[in-house]
Amino acid sequence: MTIPSYICELSELDDPGSRGFSQRLGGGGRIDGFLVRRGSEVYAYLDSCPHTGVSLAWMPDEYLDLDRRYIECSMHGAVFTLDKGYCLRGPCAGRSLTPLDVMLDSGRVMVNLPVSE
């Protein structure tokens, strides 16, 4: 079971841009994720590299490569597509990030998160 959780306003995300988030879950756990924006599209993923499970961020809210065309893992430089989280190159090539269901509601970015973990 999931519930929609407010993350931020769309206007707070650069285009293209990224932003990390951490939300408490109903069962006392926590989920770490991040958003990426390209145009009017926003995607959300768990902040966990499929290779080692580490956070992908280079610095807080910095998940994109220098050209801001791909998501790039800070540990081993794996490169992922923005729209599918698919790894194009790196130690986890062919695998994907874990997507989260994201929706826009009157300019607000909402992510469906599990009730507990």
PDB file of N, CA and C in Angstrom:
ATOM      1  N   MET A   1       0.845  -1.179   0.000  1.00  0.00           N
ATOM      2  CA  MET A   1       0.000   0.000   0.000  1.00  0.00           C
ATOM      3  C   MET A   1       0.892   1.245   0.000  1.00  0.00           C
ATOM      4  N   THR A   2       0.510   2.227  -0.781  1.00  0.00           N
ATOM      5  CA  THR A   2       1.282   3.468  -0.867  1.00  0.00           C
ATOM      6  C   THR A   2       0.388   4.669  -0.587  1.00  0.00           C
ATOM      7  N   ILE A   3       1.039   5.766  -0.235  1.00  0.00           N
ATOM      8  CA  ILE A   3       0.327   7.033  -0.063  1.00  0.00           C
ATOM      9  C   ILE A   3       1.123   8.125  -0.772  1.00  0.00           C
ATOM     10  N   PRO A   4       0.427   9.097  -1.381  1.00  0.00           N
ATOM     11  CA  PRO A   4       1.150  10.190  -2.035  1.00  0.00           C
ATOM     12  C   PRO A   4       1.795  11.107  -0.993  1.00  0.00           C
ATOM     13  N   SER A   5       3.054  11.416  -1.210  1.00  0.00           N
ATOM     14  CA  SER A   5       3.796  12.298  -0.305  1.00  0.00           C
ATOM     15  C   SER A   5       4.306  13.502  -1.078  1.00  0.00           C
ATOM     16  N   TYR A   6       4.081  14.679  -0.524  1.00  0.00           N
ATOM     17  CA  TYR A   6       4.563  15.915  -1.138  1.00  0.00           C
ATOM     18  C   TYR A   6       6.081  15.982  -1.011  1.00  0.00           C
ATOM     19  N   ILE A   7       6.769  16.286  -2.115  1.00  0.00           N
ATOM     20  CA  ILE A   7       8.225  16.402  -2.106  1.00  0.00           C
ATOM     21  C   ILE A   7       8.649  17.861  -2.278  1.00  0.00           C
ATOM     22  N   CYS A   8       8.153  18.529  -3.313  1.00  0.00           N
ATOM     23  CA  CYS A   8       8.516  19.925  -3.558  1.00  0.00           C
ATOM     24  C   CYS A   8       7.608  20.504  -4.636  1.00  0.00           C
ATOM     25  N   GLU A   9       7.795  21.768  -4.913  1.00  0.00           N
ATOM     26  CA  GLU A   9       7.102  22.413  -6.017  1.00  0.00           C
ATOM     27  C   GLU A   9       7.900  22.161  -7.302  1.00  0.00           C
ATOM     28  N   LEU A  10       7.227  21.993  -8.426  1.00  0.00           N
ATOM     29  CA  LEU A  10       7.908  21.805  -9.700  1.00  0.00           C
ATOM     30  C   LEU A  10       8.849  22.970  -9.978  1.00  0.00           C
ATOM     31  N   SER A  11       8.448  24.172  -9.615  1.00  0.00           N
ATOM     32  CA  SER A  11       9.268  25.369  -9.855  1.00  0.00           C
ATOM     33  C   SER A  11      10.580  25.348  -9.076  1.00  0.00           C
ATOM     34  N   GLU A  12      10.701  24.484  -8.077  1.00  0.00           N
ATOM     35  CA  GLU A  12      11.934  24.363  -7.293  1.00  0.00           C
ATOM     36  C   GLU A  12      12.960  23.431  -7.939  1.00  0.00           C
ATOM     37  N   LEU A  13      12.566  22.765  -9.023  1.00  0.00           N
ATOM     38  CA  LEU A  13      13.464  21.859  -9.740  1.00  0.00           C
ATOM     39  C   LEU A  13      13.982  22.537 -11.000  1.00  0.00           C
ATOM     40  N   ASP A  14      15.305  22.604 -11.151  1.00  0.00           N
ATOM     41  CA  ASP A  14      15.882  23.133 -12.385  1.00  0.00           C
ATOM     42  C   ASP A  14      15.477  22.244 -13.552  1.00  0.00           C
ATOM     43  N   ASP A  15      15.566  22.788 -14.763  1.00  0.00           N
ATOM     44  CA  ASP A  15      15.235  22.037 -15.966  1.00  0.00           C
ATOM     45  C   ASP A  15      16.418  22.069 -16.933  1.00  0.00           C
ATOM     46  N   PRO A  16      17.175  20.981 -17.085  1.00  0.00           N
ATOM     47  CA  PRO A  16      17.094  19.734 -16.322  1.00  0.00           C
ATOM     48  C   PRO A  16      17.722  19.914 -14.944  1.00  0.00           C
ATOM     49  N   GLY A  17      17.278  19.115 -14.017  1.00  0.00           N
ATOM     50  CA  GLY A  17      17.800  19.212 -12.659  1.00  0.00           C
ATOM     51  C   GLY A  17      17.437  18.003 -11.829  1.00  0.00           C
ATOM     52  N   SER A  18      17.936  17.993 -10.601  1.00  0.00           N
ATOM     53  CA  SER A  18      17.693  16.865  -9.706  1.00  0.00           C
ATOM     54  C   SER A  18      17.595  17.363  -8.270  1.00  0.00           C
ATOM     55  N   ARG A  19      16.994  16.538  -7.438  1.00  0.00           N
ATOM     56  CA  ARG A  19      16.834  16.884  -6.025  1.00  0.00           C
ATOM     57  C   ARG A  19      16.617  15.602  -5.226  1.00  0.00           C
ATOM     58  N   GLY A  20      17.367  15.453  -4.161  1.00  0.00           N
ATOM     59  CA  GLY A  20      17.198  14.304  -3.289  1.00  0.00           C
ATOM     60  C   GLY A  20      16.104  14.552  -2.268  1.00  0.00           C
ATOM     61  N   PHE A  21      15.582  13.473  -1.708  1.00  0.00           N
ATOM     62  CA  PHE A  21      14.617  13.603  -0.617  1.00  0.00           C
ATOM     63  C   PHE A  21      14.713  12.390   0.295  1.00  0.00           C
ATOM     64  N   SER A  22      14.315  12.596   1.520  1.00  0.00           N
ATOM     65  CA  SER A  22      14.252  11.533   2.512  1.00  0.00           C
ATOM     66  C   SER A  22      12.922  11.693   3.235  1.00  0.00           C
ATOM     67  N   GLN A  23      12.148  10.636   3.257  1.00  0.00           N
ATOM     68  CA  GLN A  23      10.829  10.696   3.881  1.00  0.00           C
ATOM     69  C   GLN A  23      10.700   9.586   4.913  1.00  0.00           C
ATOM     70  N   ARG A  24      10.089   9.919   6.031  1.00  0.00           N
ATOM     71  CA  ARG A  24       9.781   8.911   7.040  1.00  0.00           C
ATOM     72  C   ARG A  24       8.561   8.130   6.583  1.00  0.00           C
ATOM     73  N   LEU A  25       8.583   6.850   6.882  1.00  0.00           N
ATOM     74  CA  LEU A  25       7.463   5.986   6.540  1.00  0.00           C
ATOM     75  C   LEU A  25       6.654   5.689   7.791  1.00  0.00           C
ATOM     76  N   GLY A  26       5.422   5.264   7.590  1.00  0.00           N
ATOM     77  CA  GLY A  26       4.517   5.014   8.699  1.00  0.00           C
ATOM     78  C   GLY A  26       5.033   4.029   9.736  1.00  0.00           C
ATOM     79  N   GLY A  27       5.789   3.023   9.326  1.00  0.00           N
ATOM     80  CA  GLY A  27       6.280   2.011  10.250  1.00  0.00           C
ATOM     81  C   GLY A  27       7.561   2.394  10.966  1.00  0.00           C
ATOM     82  N   GLY A  28       7.969   3.664  10.869  1.00  0.00           N
ATOM     83  CA  GLY A  28       9.176   4.124  11.534  1.00  0.00           C
ATOM     84  C   GLY A  28      10.411   4.069  10.662  1.00  0.00           C
ATOM     85  N   GLY A  29      10.306   3.501   9.477  1.00  0.00           N
ATOM     86  CA  GLY A  29      11.436   3.456   8.553  1.00  0.00           C
ATOM     87  C   GLY A  29      11.581   4.765   7.798  1.00  0.00           C
ATOM     88  N   ARG A  30      12.467   4.752   6.842  1.00  0.00           N
ATOM     89  CA  ARG A  30      12.731   5.941   6.044  1.00  0.00           C
ATOM     90  C   ARG A  30      13.061   5.491   4.626  1.00  0.00           C
ATOM     91  N   ILE A  31      12.743   6.331   3.674  1.00  0.00           N
ATOM     92  CA  ILE A  31      13.071   6.044   2.283  1.00  0.00           C
ATOM     93  C   ILE A  31      13.837   7.237   1.715  1.00  0.00           C
ATOM     94  N   ASP A  32      14.945   6.940   1.041  1.00  0.00           N
ATOM     95  CA  ASP A  32      15.745   7.974   0.394  1.00  0.00           C
ATOM     96  C   ASP A  32      15.557   7.842  -1.102  1.00  0.00           C
ATOM     97  N   GLY A  33      15.248   8.942  -1.738  1.00  0.00           N
ATOM     98  CA  GLY A  33      15.020   8.938  -3.170  1.00  0.00           C
ATOM     99  C   GLY A  33      15.514  10.222  -3.791  1.00  0.00           C
ATOM    100  N   PHE A  34      15.293  10.335  -5.087  1.00  0.00           N
ATOM    101  CA  PHE A  34      15.629  11.584  -5.767  1.00  0.00           C
ATOM    102  C   PHE A  34      14.722  11.775  -6.969  1.00  0.00           C
ATOM    103  N   LEU A  35      14.579  13.026  -7.347  1.00  0.00           N
ATOM    104  CA  LEU A  35      13.795  13.431  -8.500  1.00  0.00           C
ATOM    105  C   LEU A  35      14.734  13.924  -9.580  1.00  0.00           C
ATOM    106  N   VAL A  36      14.363  13.715 -10.830  1.00  0.00           N
ATOM    107  CA  VAL A  36      15.042  14.358 -11.944  1.00  0.00           C
ATOM    108  C   VAL A  36      13.967  14.971 -12.832  1.00  0.00           C
ATOM    109  N   ARG A  37      14.287  16.135 -13.373  1.00  0.00           N
ATOM    110  CA  ARG A  37      13.333  16.825 -14.235  1.00  0.00           C
ATOM    111  C   ARG A  37      13.964  17.069 -15.599  1.00  0.00           C
ATOM    112  N   ARG A  38      13.149  16.862 -16.630  1.00  0.00           N
ATOM    113  CA  ARG A  38      13.500  17.247 -17.996  1.00  0.00           C
ATOM    114  C   ARG A  38      12.224  17.799 -18.614  1.00  0.00           C
ATOM    115  N   GLY A  39      12.208  19.097 -18.844  1.00  0.00           N
ATOM    116  CA  GLY A  39      11.012  19.737 -19.373  1.00  0.00           C
ATOM    117  C   GLY A  39       9.874  19.638 -18.377  1.00  0.00           C
ATOM    118  N   SER A  40       8.728  19.194 -18.858  1.00  0.00           N
ATOM    119  CA  SER A  40       7.567  19.051 -17.969  1.00  0.00           C
ATOM    120  C   SER A  40       7.507  17.674 -17.305  1.00  0.00           C
ATOM    121  N   GLU A  41       8.476  16.815 -17.620  1.00  0.00           N
ATOM    122  CA  GLU A  41       8.499  15.460 -17.060  1.00  0.00           C
ATOM    123  C   GLU A  41       9.362  15.400 -15.799  1.00  0.00           C
ATOM    124  N   VAL A  42       8.871  14.688 -14.798  1.00  0.00           N
ATOM    125  CA  VAL A  42       9.621  14.470 -13.561  1.00  0.00           C
ATOM    126  C   VAL A  42       9.625  12.965 -13.292  1.00  0.00           C
ATOM    127  N   TYR A  43      10.795  12.460 -12.939  1.00  0.00           N
ATOM    128  CA  TYR A  43      10.973  11.038 -12.644  1.00  0.00           C
ATOM    129  C   TYR A  43      11.507  10.917 -11.227  1.00  0.00           C
ATOM    130  N   ALA A  44      11.167   9.822 -10.553  1.00  0.00           N
ATOM    131  CA  ALA A  44      11.640   9.591  -9.187  1.00  0.00           C
ATOM    132  C   ALA A  44      12.211   8.180  -9.089  1.00  0.00           C
ATOM    133  N   TYR A  45      13.297   8.072  -8.316  1.00  0.00           N
ATOM    134  CA  TYR A  45      13.975   6.793  -8.128  1.00  0.00           C
ATOM    135  C   TYR A  45      14.421   6.662  -6.684  1.00  0.00           C
ATOM    136  N   LEU A  46      14.579   5.410  -6.230  1.00  0.00           N
ATOM    137  CA  LEU A  46      15.254   5.184  -4.962  1.00  0.00           C
ATOM    138  C   LEU A  46      16.695   5.621  -5.129  1.00  0.00           C
ATOM    139  N   ASP A  47      17.256   6.227  -4.110  1.00  0.00           N
ATOM    140  CA  ASP A  47      18.644   6.690  -4.164  1.00  0.00           C
ATOM    141  C   ASP A  47      19.569   5.543  -3.769  1.00  0.00           C
ATOM    142  N   SER A  48      19.696   4.586  -4.665  1.00  0.00           N
ATOM    143  CA  SER A  48      20.485   3.387  -4.402  1.00  0.00           C
ATOM    144  C   SER A  48      21.025   2.843  -5.720  1.00  0.00           C
ATOM    145  N   CYS A  49      22.324   2.829  -5.878  1.00  0.00           N
ATOM    146  CA  CYS A  49      22.941   2.295  -7.087  1.00  0.00           C
ATOM    147  C   CYS A  49      22.706   0.786  -7.147  1.00  0.00           C
ATOM    148  N   PRO A  50      22.289   0.255  -8.309  1.00  0.00           N
ATOM    149  CA  PRO A  50      22.073  -1.186  -8.400  1.00  0.00           C
ATOM    150  C   PRO A  50      23.358  -2.006  -8.255  1.00  0.00           C
ATOM    151  N   HIS A  51      24.504  -1.371  -8.370  1.00  0.00           N
ATOM    152  CA  HIS A  51      25.784  -2.076  -8.249  1.00  0.00           C
ATOM    153  C   HIS A  51      26.161  -2.314  -6.790  1.00  0.00           C
ATOM    154  N   THR A  52      26.152  -1.241  -5.966  1.00  0.00           N
ATOM    155  CA  THR A  52      26.610  -1.376  -4.575  1.00  0.00           C
ATOM    156  C   THR A  52      25.601  -0.910  -3.531  1.00  0.00           C
ATOM    157  N   GLY A  53      24.520  -0.259  -3.968  1.00  0.00           N
ATOM    158  CA  GLY A  53      23.523   0.225  -3.020  1.00  0.00           C
ATOM    159  C   GLY A  53      23.822   1.591  -2.429  1.00  0.00           C
ATOM    160  N   VAL A  54      24.933   2.227  -2.836  1.00  0.00           N
ATOM    161  CA  VAL A  54      25.272   3.546  -2.296  1.00  0.00           C
ATOM    162  C   VAL A  54      24.407   4.628  -2.924  1.00  0.00           C
ATOM    163  N   SER A  55      24.374   5.787  -2.280  1.00  0.00           N
ATOM    164  CA  SER A  55      23.700   6.956  -2.843  1.00  0.00           C
ATOM    165  C   SER A  55      24.405   7.355  -4.140  1.00  0.00           C
ATOM    166  N   LEU A  56      23.637   7.792  -5.109  1.00  0.00           N
ATOM    167  CA  LEU A  56      24.216   8.198  -6.379  1.00  0.00           C
ATOM    168  C   LEU A  56      24.715   9.639  -6.377  1.00  0.00           C
ATOM    169  N   ALA A  57      24.311  10.455  -5.417  1.00  0.00           N
ATOM    170  CA  ALA A  57      24.590  11.893  -5.430  1.00  0.00           C
ATOM    171  C   ALA A  57      26.077  12.210  -5.263  1.00  0.00           C
ATOM    172  N   TRP A  58      26.539  13.153  -6.082  1.00  0.00           N
ATOM    173  CA  TRP A  58      27.911  13.668  -5.952  1.00  0.00           C
ATOM    174  C   TRP A  58      27.989  14.600  -4.751  1.00  0.00           C
ATOM    175  N   MET A  59      26.982  15.409  -4.598  1.00  0.00           N
ATOM    176  CA  MET A  59      26.803  16.370  -3.512  1.00  0.00           C
ATOM    177  C   MET A  59      25.302  16.415  -3.271  1.00  0.00           C
ATOM    178  N   PRO A  60      24.842  17.049  -2.195  1.00  0.00           N
ATOM    179  CA  PRO A  60      23.387  17.125  -1.998  1.00  0.00           C
ATOM    180  C   PRO A  60      22.670  17.648  -3.256  1.00  0.00           C
ATOM    181  N   ASP A  61      21.673  16.926  -3.694  1.00  0.00           N
ATOM    182  CA  ASP A  61      20.835  17.272  -4.841  1.00  0.00           C
ATOM    183  C   ASP A  61      21.548  17.209  -6.194  1.00  0.00           C
ATOM    184  N   GLU A  62      22.754  16.680  -6.255  1.00  0.00           N
ATOM    185  CA  GLU A  62      23.509  16.587  -7.510  1.00  0.00           C
ATOM    186  C   GLU A  62      23.599  15.134  -7.972  1.00  0.00           C
ATOM    187  N   TYR A  63      22.706  14.765  -8.872  1.00  0.00           N
ATOM    188  CA  TYR A  63      22.626  13.401  -9.381  1.00  0.00           C
ATOM    189  C   TYR A  63      22.964  13.321 -10.871  1.00  0.00           C
ATOM    190  N   LEU A  64      23.070  14.451 -11.543  1.00  0.00           N
ATOM    191  CA  LEU A  64      23.265  14.451 -12.988  1.00  0.00           C
ATOM    192  C   LEU A  64      24.727  14.644 -13.365  1.00  0.00           C
ATOM    193  N   ASP A  65      25.075  14.179 -14.572  1.00  0.00           N
ATOM    194  CA  ASP A  65      26.431  14.389 -15.079  1.00  0.00           C
ATOM    195  C   ASP A  65      26.628  15.873 -15.415  1.00  0.00           C
ATOM    196  N   LEU A  66      27.842  16.240 -15.794  1.00  0.00           N
ATOM    197  CA  LEU A  66      28.153  17.654 -16.045  1.00  0.00           C
ATOM    198  C   LEU A  66      27.303  18.252 -17.164  1.00  0.00           C
ATOM    199  N   ASP A  67      26.944  17.455 -18.170  1.00  0.00           N
ATOM    200  CA  ASP A  67      26.099  17.935 -19.270  1.00  0.00           C
ATOM    201  C   ASP A  67      24.612  17.919 -18.925  1.00  0.00           C
ATOM    202  N   ARG A  68      24.272  17.366 -17.751  1.00  0.00           N
ATOM    203  CA  ARG A  68      22.902  17.282 -17.262  1.00  0.00           C
ATOM    204  C   ARG A  68      21.996  16.480 -18.200  1.00  0.00           C
ATOM    205  N   ARG A  69      22.606  15.479 -18.874  1.00  0.00           N
ATOM    206  CA  ARG A  69      21.865  14.617 -19.792  1.00  0.00           C
ATOM    207  C   ARG A  69      21.569  13.255 -19.195  1.00  0.00           C
ATOM    208  N   TYR A  70      22.370  12.842 -18.189  1.00  0.00           N
ATOM    209  CA  TYR A  70      22.241  11.522 -17.592  1.00  0.00           C
ATOM    210  C   TYR A  70      22.373  11.598 -16.081  1.00  0.00           C
ATOM    211  N   ILE A  71      21.838  10.584 -15.407  1.00  0.00           N
ATOM    212  CA  ILE A  71      22.086  10.376 -13.982  1.00  0.00           C
ATOM    213  C   ILE A  71      23.440   9.669 -13.909  1.00  0.00           C
ATOM    214  N   GLU A  72      24.300  10.100 -12.989  1.00  0.00           N
ATOM    215  CA  GLU A  72      25.621   9.492 -12.879  1.00  0.00           C
ATOM    216  C   GLU A  72      25.919   9.117 -11.438  1.00  0.00           C
ATOM    217  N   CYS A  73      26.347   7.893 -11.207  1.00  0.00           N
ATOM    218  CA  CYS A  73      26.675   7.412  -9.869  1.00  0.00           C
ATOM    219  C   CYS A  73      28.001   8.014  -9.410  1.00  0.00           C
ATOM    220  N   SER A  74      27.997   8.527  -8.212  1.00  0.00           N
ATOM    221  CA  SER A  74      29.185   9.179  -7.667  1.00  0.00           C
ATOM    222  C   SER A  74      30.312   8.197  -7.368  1.00  0.00           C
ATOM    223  N   MET A  75      30.005   6.934  -7.147  1.00  0.00           N
ATOM    224  CA  MET A  75      31.051   5.988  -6.739  1.00  0.00           C
ATOM    225  C   MET A  75      31.835   5.416  -7.918  1.00  0.00           C
ATOM    226  N   HIS A  76      31.140   4.897  -8.918  1.00  0.00           N
ATOM    227  CA  HIS A  76      31.843   4.242 -10.019  1.00  0.00           C
ATOM    228  C   HIS A  76      31.548   4.861 -11.381  1.00  0.00           C
ATOM    229  N   GLY A  77      30.815   5.972 -11.418  1.00  0.00           N
ATOM    230  CA  GLY A  77      30.558   6.653 -12.676  1.00  0.00           C
ATOM    231  C   GLY A  77      29.566   5.971 -13.595  1.00  0.00           C
ATOM    232  N   ALA A  78      28.790   5.029 -13.102  1.00  0.00           N
ATOM    233  CA  ALA A  78      27.754   4.410 -13.935  1.00  0.00           C
ATOM    234  C   ALA A  78      26.802   5.503 -14.421  1.00  0.00           C
ATOM    235  N   VAL A  79      26.332   5.369 -15.654  1.00  0.00           N
ATOM    236  CA  VAL A  79      25.485   6.378 -16.285  1.00  0.00           C
ATOM    237  C   VAL A  79      24.120   5.768 -16.586  1.00  0.00           C
ATOM    238  N   PHE A  80      23.065   6.488 -16.180  1.00  0.00           N
ATOM    239  CA  PHE A  80      21.684   6.022 -16.307  1.00  0.00           C
ATOM    240  C   PHE A  80      20.860   7.041 -17.096  1.00  0.00           C
ATOM    241  N   THR A  81      19.872   6.550 -17.849  1.00  0.00           N
ATOM    242  CA  THR A  81      18.965   7.454 -18.552  1.00  0.00           C
ATOM    243  C   THR A  81      18.057   8.161 -17.547  1.00  0.00           C
ATOM    244  N   LEU A  82      17.652   9.378 -17.882  1.00  0.00           N
ATOM    245  CA  LEU A  82      16.773  10.139 -16.989  1.00  0.00           C
ATOM    246  C   LEU A  82      15.379   9.527 -16.917  1.00  0.00           C
ATOM    247  N   ASP A  83      14.850   9.122 -18.062  1.00  0.00           N
ATOM    248  CA  ASP A  83      13.444   8.716 -18.122  1.00  0.00           C
ATOM    249  C   ASP A  83      13.162   7.285 -17.672  1.00  0.00           C
ATOM    250  N   LYS A  84      14.122   6.393 -17.757  1.00  0.00           N
ATOM    251  CA  LYS A  84      13.891   4.990 -17.377  1.00  0.00           C
ATOM    252  C   LYS A  84      14.832   4.509 -16.281  1.00  0.00           C
ATOM    253  N   GLY A  85      15.887   5.278 -15.985  1.00  0.00           N
ATOM    254  CA  GLY A  85      16.862   4.850 -14.988  1.00  0.00           C
ATOM    255  C   GLY A  85      17.678   3.661 -15.441  1.00  0.00           C
ATOM    256  N   TYR A  86      17.751   3.448 -16.751  1.00  0.00           N
ATOM    257  CA  TYR A  86      18.466   2.314 -17.319  1.00  0.00           C
ATOM    258  C   TYR A  86      19.960   2.619 -17.402  1.00  0.00           C
ATOM    259  N   CYS A  87      20.793   1.695 -16.929  1.00  0.00           N
ATOM    260  CA  CYS A  87      22.242   1.896 -16.923  1.00  0.00           C
ATOM    261  C   CYS A  87      22.821   1.610 -18.306  1.00  0.00           C
ATOM    262  N   LEU A  88      23.390   2.647 -18.902  1.00  0.00           N
ATOM    263  CA  LEU A  88      23.982   2.527 -20.226  1.00  0.00           C
ATOM    264  C   LEU A  88      25.421   2.032 -20.182  1.00  0.00           C
ATOM    265  N   ARG A  89      26.160   2.451 -19.150  1.00  0.00           N
ATOM    266  CA  ARG A  89      27.553   2.006 -19.016  1.00  0.00           C
ATOM    267  C   ARG A  89      27.982   2.103 -17.559  1.00  0.00           C
ATOM    268  N   GLY A  90      28.932   1.257 -17.216  1.00  0.00           N
ATOM    269  CA  GLY A  90      29.416   1.184 -15.847  1.00  0.00           C
ATOM    270  C   GLY A  90      29.278  -0.228 -15.329  1.00  0.00           C
ATOM    271  N   PRO A  91      29.612  -0.455 -14.065  1.00  0.00           N
ATOM    272  CA  PRO A  91      29.606  -1.811 -13.521  1.00  0.00           C
ATOM    273  C   PRO A  91      28.223  -2.456 -13.430  1.00  0.00           C
ATOM    274  N   CYS A  92      27.168  -1.674 -13.569  1.00  0.00           N
ATOM    275  CA  CYS A  92      25.824  -2.263 -13.520  1.00  0.00           C
ATOM    276  C   CYS A  92      25.100  -2.106 -14.856  1.00  0.00           C
ATOM    277  N   ALA A  93      25.860  -2.032 -15.960  1.00  0.00           N
ATOM    278  CA  ALA A  93      25.280  -1.875 -17.299  1.00  0.00           C
ATOM    279  C   ALA A  93      24.190  -2.917 -17.536  1.00  0.00           C
ATOM    280  N   GLY A  94      23.071  -2.445 -18.075  1.00  0.00           N
ATOM    281  CA  GLY A  94      21.946  -3.322 -18.356  1.00  0.00           C
ATOM    282  C   GLY A  94      20.934  -3.425 -17.230  1.00  0.00           C
ATOM    283  N   ARG A  95      21.302  -2.949 -16.045  1.00  0.00           N
ATOM    284  CA  ARG A  95      20.362  -2.954 -14.917  1.00  0.00           C
ATOM    285  C   ARG A  95      19.720  -1.573 -14.836  1.00  0.00           C
ATOM    286  N   SER A  96      18.764  -1.410 -13.943  1.00  0.00           N
ATOM    287  CA  SER A  96      18.050  -0.135 -13.829  1.00  0.00           C
ATOM    288  C   SER A  96      17.909   0.295 -12.381  1.00  0.00           C
ATOM    289  N   LEU A  97      17.738   1.588 -12.209  1.00  0.00           N
ATOM    290  CA  LEU A  97      17.399   2.137 -10.902  1.00  0.00           C
ATOM    291  C   LEU A  97      15.980   1.712 -10.559  1.00  0.00           C
ATOM    292  N   THR A  98      15.640   1.735  -9.282  1.00  0.00           N
ATOM    293  CA  THR A  98      14.290   1.395  -8.853  1.00  0.00           C
ATOM    294  C   THR A  98      13.406   2.633  -8.950  1.00  0.00           C
ATOM    295  N   PRO A  99      12.415   2.609  -9.856  1.00  0.00           N
ATOM    296  CA  PRO A  99      11.570   3.790 -10.020  1.00  0.00           C
ATOM    297  C   PRO A  99      10.544   3.916  -8.897  1.00  0.00           C
ATOM    298  N   LEU A 100      10.134   5.140  -8.652  1.00  0.00           N
ATOM    299  CA  LEU A 100       9.042   5.449  -7.743  1.00  0.00           C
ATOM    300  C   LEU A 100       7.964   6.147  -8.560  1.00  0.00           C
ATOM    301  N   ASP A 101       6.717   5.918  -8.210  1.00  0.00           N
ATOM    302  CA  ASP A 101       5.596   6.526  -8.924  1.00  0.00           C
ATOM    303  C   ASP A 101       5.503   8.001  -8.549  1.00  0.00           C
ATOM    304  N   VAL A 102       5.640   8.872  -9.543  1.00  0.00           N
ATOM    305  CA  VAL A 102       5.613  10.312  -9.312  1.00  0.00           C
ATOM    306  C   VAL A 102       4.454  10.924 -10.088  1.00  0.00           C
ATOM    307  N   MET A 103       3.860  11.972  -9.516  1.00  0.00           N
ATOM    308  CA  MET A 103       2.781  12.675 -10.204  1.00  0.00           C
ATOM    309  C   MET A 103       2.872  14.166  -9.890  1.00  0.00           C
ATOM    310  N   LEU A 104       2.340  14.948 -10.798  1.00  0.00           N
ATOM    311  CA  LEU A 104       2.264  16.390 -10.603  1.00  0.00           C
ATOM    312  C   LEU A 104       0.822  16.751 -10.293  1.00  0.00           C
ATOM    313  N   ASP A 105       0.645  17.561  -9.262  1.00  0.00           N
ATOM    314  CA  ASP A 105      -0.688  17.973  -8.838  1.00  0.00           C
ATOM    315  C   ASP A 105      -0.663  19.473  -8.607  1.00  0.00           C
ATOM    316  N   SER A 106      -1.160  20.231  -9.580  1.00  0.00           N
ATOM    317  CA  SER A 106      -1.199  21.699  -9.486  1.00  0.00           C
ATOM    318  C   SER A 106       0.183  22.282  -9.178  1.00  0.00           C
ATOM    319  N   GLY A 107       1.214  21.774  -9.877  1.00  0.00           N
ATOM    320  CA  GLY A 107       2.563  22.287  -9.697  1.00  0.00           C
ATOM    321  C   GLY A 107       3.315  21.699  -8.519  1.00  0.00           C
ATOM    322  N   ARG A 108       2.681  20.785  -7.807  1.00  0.00           N
ATOM    323  CA  ARG A 108       3.326  20.108  -6.675  1.00  0.00           C
ATOM    324  C   ARG A 108       3.803  18.734  -7.127  1.00  0.00           C
ATOM    325  N   VAL A 109       5.026  18.377  -6.752  1.00  0.00           N
ATOM    326  CA  VAL A 109       5.555  17.060  -7.082  1.00  0.00           C
ATOM    327  C   VAL A 109       5.246  16.117  -5.918  1.00  0.00           C
ATOM    328  N   MET A 110       4.526  15.050  -6.245  1.00  0.00           N
ATOM    329  CA  MET A 110       4.116  14.050  -5.265  1.00  0.00           C
ATOM    330  C   MET A 110       4.707  12.698  -5.672  1.00  0.00           C
ATOM    331  N   VAL A 111       5.132  11.924  -4.684  1.00  0.00           N
ATOM    332  CA  VAL A 111       5.646  10.587  -4.928  1.00  0.00           C
ATOM    333  C   VAL A 111       4.874   9.599  -4.070  1.00  0.00           C
ATOM    334  N   ASN A 112       4.417   8.511  -4.674  1.00  0.00           N
ATOM    335  CA  ASN A 112       3.728   7.458  -3.918  1.00  0.00           C
ATOM    336  C   ASN A 112       4.782   6.652  -3.165  1.00  0.00           C
ATOM    337  N   LEU A 113       4.674   6.656  -1.843  1.00  0.00           N
ATOM    338  CA  LEU A 113       5.634   5.953  -0.994  1.00  0.00           C
ATOM    339  C   LEU A 113       4.922   4.868  -0.209  1.00  0.00           C
ATOM    340  N   PRO A 114       5.644   3.779   0.110  1.00  0.00           N
ATOM    341  CA  PRO A 114       5.023   2.719   0.909  1.00  0.00           C
ATOM    342  C   PRO A 114       4.601   3.238   2.281  1.00  0.00           C
ATOM    343  N   VAL A 115       3.529   2.687   2.804  1.00  0.00           N
ATOM    344  CA  VAL A 115       3.051   3.092   4.122  1.00  0.00           C
ATOM    345  C   VAL A 115       4.075   2.714   5.185  1.00  0.00           C
ATOM    346  N   SER A 116       4.729   1.557   5.043  1.00  0.00           N
ATOM    347  CA  SER A 116       5.780   1.154   5.984  1.00  0.00           C
ATOM    348  C   SER A 116       6.820   0.346   5.236  1.00  0.00           C
ATOM    349  N   GLU A 117       7.996   0.244   5.838  1.00  0.00           N
ATOM    350  CA  GLU A 117       9.067  -0.538   5.226  1.00  0.00           C
ATOM    351  C   GLU A 117       9.756  -1.348   6.296  1.00  0.00           C
TER     352      GLU A 117
END
